[in-house]
Amino acid sequence: MNNSDFFIIWNTIFYCDNITNIHFQKIKFDESNPFSIEQLSLFKNLKHLKLENYSNVSFSINKIKKDNFNNLNHIFLFKNENLLQKFVNTLFRYSNTNIMKLQLFDEIENYILLTINEYYTNLINFSCSMNDNNYNSILSIIERSMYLNKLKIVIYEINKIMEIFFYMNIGLNSYQAGFSIF
């Protein structure tokens, strides 16, 4: 799909109030005409947001109100080129404690993980990629997630595996956990 096709479709659905699921997959916007990603906040009934393999977007926090993502309960981020950290942080802060399923397979800045740790105590399902830079923050999120019953961690550092298993055995006995090693 080229950009003009996308914008024709987007402008058509833009006024549909009942949309609950949005999934961007393999969309590369023109650098000269980036997609204003804050437009996602205009869908008041949005519950599931998947952003996968997109690039060339722009973001302005001034166009988002605090209650814009209140109904959102599932966020999926995967292989997004030039992931806009400010948008992601805003998304996480404004969706508040409603998020129950969170899947992060992008390079997420540590300050965003701290935001998740602060706001997302109601997580039921958490999937993420882990490396040396985000290891402690991810463990804090797991520890604070009182209702967590499904956990998937993709590990990029083999030396952390035993520590995670040890942590899981002490604090999270009843969790369903899956690990992938790359």
Protein backbone atom coordinates (compact mmCIF):
# COMPACT_ATOMS: atom_id res chain seq x y z
CA MET A 1 0.00 0.00 0.00
CA ASN A 2 1.41 3.38 -0.89
CA ASN A 3 1.01 6.50 1.24
CA SER A 4 -1.79 8.01 -0.80
CA ASP A 5 -3.83 4.79 -0.48
CA PHE A 6 -3.25 4.75 3.25
CA PHE A 7 -4.35 8.36 3.70
CA ILE A 8 -7.51 7.76 1.63
CA ILE A 9 -8.43 4.86 3.91
CA TRP A 10 -7.34 6.75 7.01
CA ASN A 11 -9.43 9.79 6.17
CA THR A 12 -12.42 7.50 5.65
CA ILE A 13 -12.18 5.74 9.01
CA PHE A 14 -11.03 8.82 10.85
CA TYR A 15 -14.60 9.77 11.66
CA CYS A 16 -15.73 6.33 12.81
CA ASP A 17 -16.32 6.61 16.54
CA ASN A 18 -16.67 2.89 17.20
CA ILE A 19 -13.22 1.70 16.16
CA THR A 20 -11.66 -0.35 18.96
CA ASN A 21 -8.68 -1.96 17.19
CA ILE A 22 -5.93 -0.31 15.16
CA HIS A 23 -3.00 -2.26 13.74
CA PHE A 24 -0.30 -0.57 11.69
CA GLN A 25 1.85 -3.19 10.02
CA LYS A 26 4.65 -2.66 7.51
CA ILE A 27 3.82 0.93 6.71
CA LYS A 28 6.64 3.16 5.61
CA PHE A 29 5.42 6.72 5.37
CA ASP A 30 7.16 9.20 3.11
CA GLU A 31 9.73 11.29 4.92
CA SER A 32 8.31 14.37 3.22
CA ASN A 33 4.80 13.53 4.45
CA PRO A 34 5.06 11.68 7.78
CA PHE A 35 2.01 10.37 9.56
CA SER A 36 1.02 12.41 12.65
CA ILE A 37 0.79 9.56 15.11
CA GLU A 38 -1.06 11.59 17.72
CA GLN A 39 -4.13 11.14 15.48
CA LEU A 40 -4.51 7.73 17.11
CA SER A 41 -5.64 9.51 20.25
CA LEU A 42 -8.80 10.73 18.53
CA PHE A 43 -10.30 7.24 18.61
CA LYS A 44 -11.99 7.41 22.00
CA ASN A 45 -13.04 3.74 22.00
CA LEU A 46 -9.63 2.39 21.05
CA LYS A 47 -8.85 -0.73 23.11
CA HIS A 48 -6.13 -2.50 21.12
CA LEU A 49 -3.21 -0.72 19.50
CA LYS A 50 -0.57 -2.59 17.50
CA LEU A 51 2.28 -0.70 15.91
CA GLU A 52 4.46 -3.03 13.92
CA ASN A 53 7.14 -2.22 11.36
CA TYR A 54 6.23 1.38 10.68
CA SER A 55 8.51 4.31 9.98
CA ASN A 56 8.50 8.05 9.33
CA VAL A 57 5.95 9.40 11.74
CA SER A 58 5.72 12.67 13.61
CA PHE A 59 4.33 13.50 17.03
CA SER A 60 3.10 16.58 18.86
CA ILE A 61 2.17 16.17 22.52
CA ASN A 62 0.15 19.40 22.38
CA LYS A 63 -2.54 17.62 20.37
CA ILE A 64 -3.23 14.94 22.98
CA LYS A 65 -5.50 15.30 25.99
CA LYS A 66 -5.01 13.27 29.15
CA ASP A 67 -8.18 11.24 28.68
CA ASN A 68 -7.49 10.29 25.05
CA PHE A 69 -6.27 6.75 25.70
CA ASN A 70 -8.47 5.86 28.69
CA ASN A 71 -10.10 2.82 27.04
CA LEU A 72 -6.86 1.33 25.78
CA ASN A 73 -6.10 -2.04 27.39
CA HIS A 74 -3.64 -3.70 24.96
CA ILE A 75 -0.47 -2.21 23.46
CA PHE A 76 1.85 -4.06 21.08
CA LEU A 77 5.08 -2.48 19.79
CA PHE A 78 7.36 -4.43 17.45
CA LYS A 79 10.24 -3.44 15.15
CA ASN A 80 9.28 0.16 14.66
CA GLU A 81 11.92 2.21 12.93
CA ASN A 82 12.60 5.45 14.75
CA LEU A 83 10.13 4.68 17.49
CA LEU A 84 9.05 8.00 18.92
CA GLN A 85 9.92 7.65 22.58
CA LYS A 86 7.93 10.75 23.56
CA PHE A 87 4.80 9.33 21.94
CA VAL A 88 5.28 5.98 23.64
CA ASN A 89 5.82 7.61 27.01
CA THR A 90 2.71 9.76 26.51
CA LEU A 91 0.73 6.72 25.42
CA PHE A 92 1.76 4.82 28.54
CA ARG A 93 1.08 7.71 30.89
CA TYR A 94 -2.32 8.57 29.42
CA SER A 95 -3.66 5.03 29.18
CA ASN A 96 -3.23 5.01 32.94
CA THR A 97 -3.82 1.74 34.79
CA ASN A 98 -6.18 0.22 32.21
CA ILE A 99 -3.50 -1.66 30.30
CA MET A 100 -3.78 -5.37 30.97
CA LYS A 101 -1.77 -6.70 28.04
CA LEU A 102 1.54 -5.11 27.10
CA GLN A 103 3.90 -6.44 24.44
CA LEU A 104 7.16 -4.56 23.85
CA PHE A 105 9.64 -5.83 21.32
CA ASP A 106 11.28 -2.53 20.45
CA GLU A 107 14.22 -0.77 21.99
CA ILE A 108 12.43 1.07 24.78
CA GLU A 109 14.23 3.80 26.68
CA ASN A 110 14.64 3.16 30.38
CA TYR A 111 12.62 6.24 31.40
CA ILE A 112 9.62 4.74 29.58
CA LEU A 113 10.04 1.48 31.48
CA LEU A 114 9.98 3.56 34.67
CA THR A 115 6.68 5.08 33.51
CA ILE A 116 5.31 1.58 32.92
CA ASN A 117 6.49 0.53 36.36
CA GLU A 118 4.72 3.51 37.93
CA TYR A 119 1.37 3.25 36.15
CA TYR A 120 0.88 -0.35 35.07
CA THR A 121 0.18 -2.37 38.18
CA ASN A 122 -2.82 -4.19 36.64
CA LEU A 123 -0.91 -6.06 33.94
CA ILE A 124 -2.20 -9.58 33.33
CA ASN A 125 -0.11 -10.36 30.25
CA PHE A 126 3.39 -8.92 29.75
CA SER A 127 5.80 -9.70 26.91
CA CYS A 128 9.07 -7.92 26.25
CA SER A 129 12.59 -8.13 25.00
CA MET A 130 15.29 -7.88 27.63
CA ASN A 131 18.93 -6.85 27.49
CA ASP A 132 21.55 -5.54 29.90
CA ASN A 133 20.22 -1.98 29.64
CA ASN A 134 16.63 -2.70 30.67
CA TYR A 135 17.10 -5.77 32.87
CA ASN A 136 16.44 -4.12 36.27
CA SER A 137 13.52 -2.06 34.99
CA ILE A 138 11.83 -5.14 33.50
CA LEU A 139 12.24 -7.03 36.78
CA SER A 140 10.68 -4.11 38.65
CA ILE A 141 7.68 -4.15 36.31
CA ILE A 142 7.23 -7.88 36.88
CA GLU A 143 7.55 -7.48 40.63
CA ARG A 144 4.90 -4.72 40.79
CA SER A 145 2.42 -6.50 38.51
CA MET A 146 0.22 -8.15 41.14
CA TYR A 147 -2.20 -9.74 38.64
CA LEU A 148 0.34 -10.98 36.11
CA ASN A 149 -0.43 -14.51 34.93
CA LYS A 150 1.33 -14.65 31.57
CA LEU A 151 4.90 -13.54 31.01
CA LYS A 152 7.06 -13.83 27.91
CA ILE A 153 10.61 -12.51 27.83
CA VAL A 154 12.90 -12.52 24.82
CA ILE A 155 16.45 -12.47 26.16
CA TYR A 156 19.38 -11.11 24.18
CA GLU A 157 22.01 -11.67 26.87
CA ILE A 158 22.61 -15.33 27.76
CA ASN A 159 24.36 -14.54 31.07
CA LYS A 160 21.06 -13.19 32.50
CA ILE A 161 19.06 -16.41 32.08
CA MET A 162 19.91 -18.04 35.39
CA GLU A 163 19.25 -14.82 37.30
CA ILE A 164 15.80 -14.53 35.75
CA PHE A 165 14.92 -18.15 36.52
CA PHE A 166 16.09 -17.61 40.09
CA TYR A 167 13.98 -14.46 40.35
CA MET A 168 10.97 -16.22 38.85
CA ASN A 169 11.23 -19.13 41.29
CA ILE A 170 11.38 -16.88 44.33
CA GLY A 171 8.74 -14.28 43.56
CA LEU A 172 6.54 -15.51 40.76
CA ASN A 173 5.80 -19.20 41.32
CA SER A 174 2.33 -19.23 39.83
CA TYR A 175 3.18 -17.43 36.59
CA GLN A 176 3.10 -18.97 33.17
CA ALA A 177 6.44 -17.93 31.73
CA GLY A 178 8.10 -18.34 28.37
CA PHE A 179 11.63 -17.45 27.41
CA SER A 180 13.27 -17.07 24.02
CA ILE A 181 17.01 -16.70 23.68
CA PHE A 182 18.69 -14.94 20.77
